[in-house]
Amino acid sequence: MPESTNGREKVLKFIEESGTTIVDIAVYYGMTKQDVTSYLTGKLKNSTAANKLVLKIISDFRIR
């Protein structure tokens, strides 16, 4: 599985710059704040669910 650090960093930067919160992301995707936080901070960086979430956020919000 590819390393997702770059993608996670871009998502976190997007969240910070856009004024969006992790709670907003969690609600939008029907997840708990705790899970989203764990995925985006890298605590669960090697999980398939974390990689799918990062890719989905990048795709949905067209983060480049």
PDB file of N, CA and C in Angstrom:
ATOM      1  N   MET A   1       0.839  -1.178   0.000  1.00  0.00           N
ATOM      2  CA  MET A   1       0.000   0.000   0.000  1.00  0.00           C
ATOM      3  C   MET A   1       0.885   1.242   0.000  1.00  0.00           C
ATOM      4  N   PRO A   2       0.615   2.203  -0.866  1.00  0.00           N
ATOM      5  CA  PRO A   2       1.444   3.407  -0.926  1.00  0.00           C
ATOM      6  C   PRO A   2       1.353   4.230   0.354  1.00  0.00           C
ATOM      7  N   GLU A   3       2.379   4.999   0.594  1.00  0.00           N
ATOM      8  CA  GLU A   3       2.424   5.893   1.756  1.00  0.00           C
ATOM      9  C   GLU A   3       1.434   7.037   1.529  1.00  0.00           C
ATOM     10  N   SER A   4       0.664   7.370   2.553  1.00  0.00           N
ATOM     11  CA  SER A   4      -0.377   8.391   2.399  1.00  0.00           C
ATOM     12  C   SER A   4      -0.034   9.710   3.083  1.00  0.00           C
ATOM     13  N   THR A   5       1.207   9.871   3.522  1.00  0.00           N
ATOM     14  CA  THR A   5       1.596  11.071   4.263  1.00  0.00           C
ATOM     15  C   THR A   5       1.324  12.344   3.472  1.00  0.00           C
ATOM     16  N   ASN A   6       1.716  12.380   2.223  1.00  0.00           N
ATOM     17  CA  ASN A   6       1.519  13.578   1.404  1.00  0.00           C
ATOM     18  C   ASN A   6       0.038  13.933   1.295  1.00  0.00           C
ATOM     19  N   GLY A   7      -0.783  12.951   1.057  1.00  0.00           N
ATOM     20  CA  GLY A   7      -2.223  13.186   0.944  1.00  0.00           C
ATOM     21  C   GLY A   7      -2.822  13.678   2.248  1.00  0.00           C
ATOM     22  N   ARG A   8      -2.424  13.060   3.354  1.00  0.00           N
ATOM     23  CA  ARG A   8      -2.938  13.489   4.663  1.00  0.00           C
ATOM     24  C   ARG A   8      -2.532  14.923   4.955  1.00  0.00           C
ATOM     25  N   GLU A   9      -1.290  15.275   4.637  1.00  0.00           N
ATOM     26  CA  GLU A   9      -0.813  16.641   4.873  1.00  0.00           C
ATOM     27  C   GLU A   9      -1.601  17.647   4.038  1.00  0.00           C
ATOM     28  N   LYS A  10      -1.905  17.297   2.801  1.00  0.00           N
ATOM     29  CA  LYS A  10      -2.680  18.197   1.945  1.00  0.00           C
ATOM     30  C   LYS A  10      -4.101  18.370   2.473  1.00  0.00           C
ATOM     31  N   VAL A  11      -4.691  17.295   2.956  1.00  0.00           N
ATOM     32  CA  VAL A  11      -6.041  17.388   3.518  1.00  0.00           C
ATOM     33  C   VAL A  11      -6.030  18.253   4.774  1.00  0.00           C
ATOM     34  N   LEU A  12      -5.062  18.046   5.652  1.00  0.00           N
ATOM     35  CA  LEU A  12      -4.977  18.856   6.871  1.00  0.00           C
ATOM     36  C   LEU A  12      -4.745  20.331   6.541  1.00  0.00           C
ATOM     37  N   LYS A  13      -3.936  20.601   5.531  1.00  0.00           N
ATOM     38  CA  LYS A  13      -3.699  21.987   5.109  1.00  0.00           C
ATOM     39  C   LYS A  13      -4.993  22.595   4.563  1.00  0.00           C
ATOM     40  N   PHE A  14      -5.729  21.823   3.776  1.00  0.00           N
ATOM     41  CA  PHE A  14      -7.015  22.282   3.255  1.00  0.00           C
ATOM     42  C   PHE A  14      -7.973  22.613   4.395  1.00  0.00           C
ATOM     43  N   ILE A  15      -8.045  21.740   5.388  1.00  0.00           N
ATOM     44  CA  ILE A  15      -8.935  21.959   6.532  1.00  0.00           C
ATOM     45  C   ILE A  15      -8.571  23.259   7.236  1.00  0.00           C
ATOM     46  N   GLU A  16      -7.291  23.453   7.454  1.00  0.00           N
ATOM     47  CA  GLU A  16      -6.822  24.658   8.145  1.00  0.00           C
ATOM     48  C   GLU A  16      -7.120  25.922   7.339  1.00  0.00           C
ATOM     49  N   GLU A  17      -6.825  25.901   6.058  1.00  0.00           N
ATOM     50  CA  GLU A  17      -6.965  27.094   5.221  1.00  0.00           C
ATOM     51  C   GLU A  17      -8.419  27.429   4.884  1.00  0.00           C
ATOM     52  N   SER A  18      -9.271  26.422   4.849  1.00  0.00           N
ATOM     53  CA  SER A  18     -10.659  26.654   4.441  1.00  0.00           C
ATOM     54  C   SER A  18     -11.578  26.983   5.610  1.00  0.00           C
ATOM     55  N   GLY A  19     -11.082  26.797   6.819  1.00  0.00           N
ATOM     56  CA  GLY A  19     -11.925  27.035   7.983  1.00  0.00           C
ATOM     57  C   GLY A  19     -12.851  25.869   8.292  1.00  0.00           C
ATOM     58  N   THR A  20     -12.674  24.791   7.565  1.00  0.00           N
ATOM     59  CA  THR A  20     -13.424  23.571   7.823  1.00  0.00           C
ATOM     60  C   THR A  20     -12.850  22.928   9.078  1.00  0.00           C
ATOM     61  N   THR A  21     -13.654  22.158   9.780  1.00  0.00           N
ATOM     62  CA  THR A  21     -13.153  21.459  10.961  1.00  0.00           C
ATOM     63  C   THR A  21     -13.195  19.954  10.727  1.00  0.00           C
ATOM     64  N   ILE A  22     -12.491  19.243  11.559  1.00  0.00           N
ATOM     65  CA  ILE A  22     -12.526  17.779  11.477  1.00  0.00           C
ATOM     66  C   ILE A  22     -13.929  17.283  11.793  1.00  0.00           C
ATOM     67  N   VAL A  23     -14.639  17.984  12.669  1.00  0.00           N
ATOM     68  CA  VAL A  23     -16.030  17.626  12.961  1.00  0.00           C
ATOM     69  C   VAL A  23     -16.874  17.765  11.692  1.00  0.00           C
ATOM     70  N   ASP A  24     -16.655  18.833  10.927  1.00  0.00           N
ATOM     71  CA  ASP A  24     -17.380  19.014   9.663  1.00  0.00           C
ATOM     72  C   ASP A  24     -17.133  17.836   8.728  1.00  0.00           C
ATOM     73  N   ILE A  25     -15.881  17.446   8.609  1.00  0.00           N
ATOM     74  CA  ILE A  25     -15.520  16.309   7.745  1.00  0.00           C
ATOM     75  C   ILE A  25     -16.181  15.030   8.259  1.00  0.00           C
ATOM     76  N   ALA A  26     -16.131  14.815   9.563  1.00  0.00           N
ATOM     77  CA  ALA A  26     -16.723  13.618  10.161  1.00  0.00           C
ATOM     78  C   ALA A  26     -18.226  13.555   9.886  1.00  0.00           C
ATOM     79  N   VAL A  27     -18.918  14.664  10.081  1.00  0.00           N
ATOM     80  CA  VAL A  27     -20.359  14.702   9.834  1.00  0.00           C
ATOM     81  C   VAL A  27     -20.645  14.462   8.356  1.00  0.00           C
ATOM     82  N   TYR A  28     -19.895  15.110   7.490  1.00  0.00           N
ATOM     83  CA  TYR A  28     -20.091  14.992   6.044  1.00  0.00           C
ATOM     84  C   TYR A  28     -19.982  13.537   5.579  1.00  0.00           C
ATOM     85  N   TYR A  29     -19.014  12.805   6.134  1.00  0.00           N
ATOM     86  CA  TYR A  29     -18.781  11.422   5.714  1.00  0.00           C
ATOM     87  C   TYR A  29     -19.424  10.390   6.636  1.00  0.00           C
ATOM     88  N   GLY A  30     -20.204  10.841   7.626  1.00  0.00           N
ATOM     89  CA  GLY A  30     -20.905   9.912   8.512  1.00  0.00           C
ATOM     90  C   GLY A  30     -19.974   9.107   9.397  1.00  0.00           C
ATOM     91  N   MET A  31     -18.927   9.755   9.870  1.00  0.00           N
ATOM     92  CA  MET A  31     -17.930   9.087  10.702  1.00  0.00           C
ATOM     93  C   MET A  31     -17.836   9.794  12.050  1.00  0.00           C
ATOM     94  N   THR A  32     -17.111   9.194  12.970  1.00  0.00           N
ATOM     95  CA  THR A  32     -16.880   9.861  14.245  1.00  0.00           C
ATOM     96  C   THR A  32     -15.675  10.783  14.121  1.00  0.00           C
ATOM     97  N   LYS A  33     -15.678  11.827  14.935  1.00  0.00           N
ATOM     98  CA  LYS A  33     -14.547  12.759  14.956  1.00  0.00           C
ATOM     99  C   LYS A  33     -13.264  12.005  15.291  1.00  0.00           C
ATOM    100  N   GLN A  34     -13.370  11.065  16.222  1.00  0.00           N
ATOM    101  CA  GLN A  34     -12.208  10.294  16.665  1.00  0.00           C
ATOM    102  C   GLN A  34     -11.590   9.501  15.508  1.00  0.00           C
ATOM    103  N   ASP A  35     -12.420   8.861  14.701  1.00  0.00           N
ATOM    104  CA  ASP A  35     -11.900   8.089  13.567  1.00  0.00           C
ATOM    105  C   ASP A  35     -11.234   9.000  12.537  1.00  0.00           C
ATOM    106  N   VAL A  36     -11.897  10.101  12.193  1.00  0.00           N
ATOM    107  CA  VAL A  36     -11.334  11.021  11.206  1.00  0.00           C
ATOM    108  C   VAL A  36     -10.011  11.578  11.710  1.00  0.00           C
ATOM    109  N   THR A  37      -9.968  11.957  12.976  1.00  0.00           N
ATOM    110  CA  THR A  37      -8.732  12.478  13.564  1.00  0.00           C
ATOM    111  C   THR A  37      -7.624  11.436  13.486  1.00  0.00           C
ATOM    112  N   SER A  38      -7.933  10.201  13.841  1.00  0.00           N
ATOM    113  CA  SER A  38      -6.929   9.130  13.797  1.00  0.00           C
ATOM    114  C   SER A  38      -6.422   8.899  12.379  1.00  0.00           C
ATOM    115  N   TYR A  39      -7.319   8.943  11.409  1.00  0.00           N
ATOM    116  CA  TYR A  39      -6.922   8.735  10.017  1.00  0.00           C
ATOM    117  C   TYR A  39      -6.043   9.873   9.510  1.00  0.00           C
ATOM    118  N   LEU A  40      -6.437  11.105   9.817  1.00  0.00           N
ATOM    119  CA  LEU A  40      -5.723  12.253   9.258  1.00  0.00           C
ATOM    120  C   LEU A  40      -4.429  12.587   9.987  1.00  0.00           C
ATOM    121  N   THR A  41      -4.307  12.178  11.241  1.00  0.00           N
ATOM    122  CA  THR A  41      -3.063  12.439  11.971  1.00  0.00           C
ATOM    123  C   THR A  41      -2.046  11.328  11.779  1.00  0.00           C
ATOM    124  N   GLY A  42      -2.459  10.224  11.174  1.00  0.00           N
ATOM    125  CA  GLY A  42      -1.528   9.148  10.889  1.00  0.00           C
ATOM    126  C   GLY A  42      -1.500   8.040  11.917  1.00  0.00           C
ATOM    127  N   LYS A  43      -2.341   8.115  12.938  1.00  0.00           N
ATOM    128  CA  LYS A  43      -2.371   7.039  13.929  1.00  0.00           C
ATOM    129  C   LYS A  43      -2.775   5.721  13.286  1.00  0.00           C
ATOM    130  N   LEU A  44      -3.602   5.793  12.291  1.00  0.00           N
ATOM    131  CA  LEU A  44      -4.048   4.600  11.566  1.00  0.00           C
ATOM    132  C   LEU A  44      -3.689   4.715  10.090  1.00  0.00           C
ATOM    133  N   LYS A  45      -2.499   5.241   9.823  1.00  0.00           N
ATOM    134  CA  LYS A  45      -2.120   5.569   8.446  1.00  0.00           C
ATOM    135  C   LYS A  45      -1.995   4.373   7.514  1.00  0.00           C
ATOM    136  N   ASN A  46      -1.809   3.186   8.043  1.00  0.00           N
ATOM    137  CA  ASN A  46      -1.650   2.024   7.169  1.00  0.00           C
ATOM    138  C   ASN A  46      -2.944   1.255   6.971  1.00  0.00           C
ATOM    139  N   SER A  47      -4.056   1.832   7.430  1.00  0.00           N
ATOM    140  CA  SER A  47      -5.318   1.119   7.267  1.00  0.00           C
ATOM    141  C   SER A  47      -5.943   1.450   5.915  1.00  0.00           C
ATOM    142  N   THR A  48      -6.639   0.498   5.375  1.00  0.00           N
ATOM    143  CA  THR A  48      -7.323   0.693   4.105  1.00  0.00           C
ATOM    144  C   THR A  48      -8.387   1.775   4.237  1.00  0.00           C
ATOM    145  N   ALA A  49      -9.107   1.783   5.358  1.00  0.00           N
ATOM    146  CA  ALA A  49     -10.156   2.787   5.574  1.00  0.00           C
ATOM    147  C   ALA A  49      -9.569   4.193   5.595  1.00  0.00           C
ATOM    148  N   ALA A  50      -8.410   4.358   6.209  1.00  0.00           N
ATOM    149  CA  ALA A  50      -7.762   5.678   6.265  1.00  0.00           C
ATOM    150  C   ALA A  50      -7.385   6.135   4.866  1.00  0.00           C
ATOM    151  N   ASN A  51      -6.793   5.257   4.091  1.00  0.00           N
ATOM    152  CA  ASN A  51      -6.396   5.610   2.724  1.00  0.00           C
ATOM    153  C   ASN A  51      -7.608   5.958   1.861  1.00  0.00           C
ATOM    154  N   LYS A  52      -8.690   5.200   2.018  1.00  0.00           N
ATOM    155  CA  LYS A  52      -9.901   5.480   1.248  1.00  0.00           C
ATOM    156  C   LYS A  52     -10.477   6.842   1.618  1.00  0.00           C
ATOM    157  N   LEU A  53     -10.480   7.159   2.917  1.00  0.00           N
ATOM    158  CA  LEU A  53     -11.009   8.456   3.345  1.00  0.00           C
ATOM    159  C   LEU A  53     -10.171   9.593   2.778  1.00  0.00           C
ATOM    160  N   VAL A  54      -8.864   9.484   2.881  1.00  0.00           N
ATOM    161  CA  VAL A  54      -7.982  10.538   2.368  1.00  0.00           C
ATOM    162  C   VAL A  54      -8.212  10.728   0.870  1.00  0.00           C
ATOM    163  N   LEU A  55      -8.274   9.648   0.124  1.00  0.00           N
ATOM    164  CA  LEU A  55      -8.516   9.743  -1.320  1.00  0.00           C
ATOM    165  C   LEU A  55      -9.881  10.350  -1.625  1.00  0.00           C
ATOM    166  N   LYS A  56     -10.884   9.980  -0.848  1.00  0.00           N
ATOM    167  CA  LYS A  56     -12.236  10.500  -1.053  1.00  0.00           C
ATOM    168  C   LYS A  56     -12.286  11.999  -0.797  1.00  0.00           C
ATOM    169  N   ILE A  57     -11.663  12.461   0.284  1.00  0.00           N
ATOM    170  CA  ILE A  57     -11.641  13.893   0.596  1.00  0.00           C
ATOM    171  C   ILE A  57     -10.913  14.655  -0.506  1.00  0.00           C
ATOM    172  N   ILE A  58      -9.762  14.136  -0.929  1.00  0.00           N
ATOM    173  CA  ILE A  58      -8.991  14.789  -1.997  1.00  0.00           C
ATOM    174  C   ILE A  58      -9.831  14.889  -3.270  1.00  0.00           C
ATOM    175  N   SER A  59     -10.522  13.831  -3.609  1.00  0.00           N
ATOM    176  CA  SER A  59     -11.350  13.813  -4.811  1.00  0.00           C
ATOM    177  C   SER A  59     -12.559  14.741  -4.677  1.00  0.00           C
ATOM    178  N   ASP A  60     -13.278  14.635  -3.570  1.00  0.00           N
ATOM    179  CA  ASP A  60     -14.503  15.418  -3.386  1.00  0.00           C
ATOM    180  C   ASP A  60     -14.249  16.921  -3.348  1.00  0.00           C
ATOM    181  N   PHE A  61     -13.150  17.325  -2.723  1.00  0.00           N
ATOM    182  CA  PHE A  61     -12.863  18.749  -2.575  1.00  0.00           C
ATOM    183  C   PHE A  61     -11.823  19.249  -3.581  1.00  0.00           C
ATOM    184  N   ARG A  62     -11.431  18.358  -4.494  1.00  0.00           N
ATOM    185  CA  ARG A  62     -10.471  18.697  -5.562  1.00  0.00           C
ATOM    186  C   ARG A  62      -9.203  19.351  -5.009  1.00  0.00           C
ATOM    187  N   ILE A  63      -8.647  18.699  -4.013  1.00  0.00           N
ATOM    188  CA  ILE A  63      -7.427  19.199  -3.374  1.00  0.00           C
ATOM    189  C   ILE A  63      -6.249  18.833  -4.266  1.00  0.00           C
ATOM    190  N   ARG A  64      -5.413  19.811  -4.575  1.00  0.00           N
ATOM    191  CA  ARG A  64      -4.255  19.562  -5.441  1.00  0.00           C
ATOM    192  C   ARG A  64      -2.993  20.043  -4.803  1.00  0.00           C
TER     193      ARG A  64
END
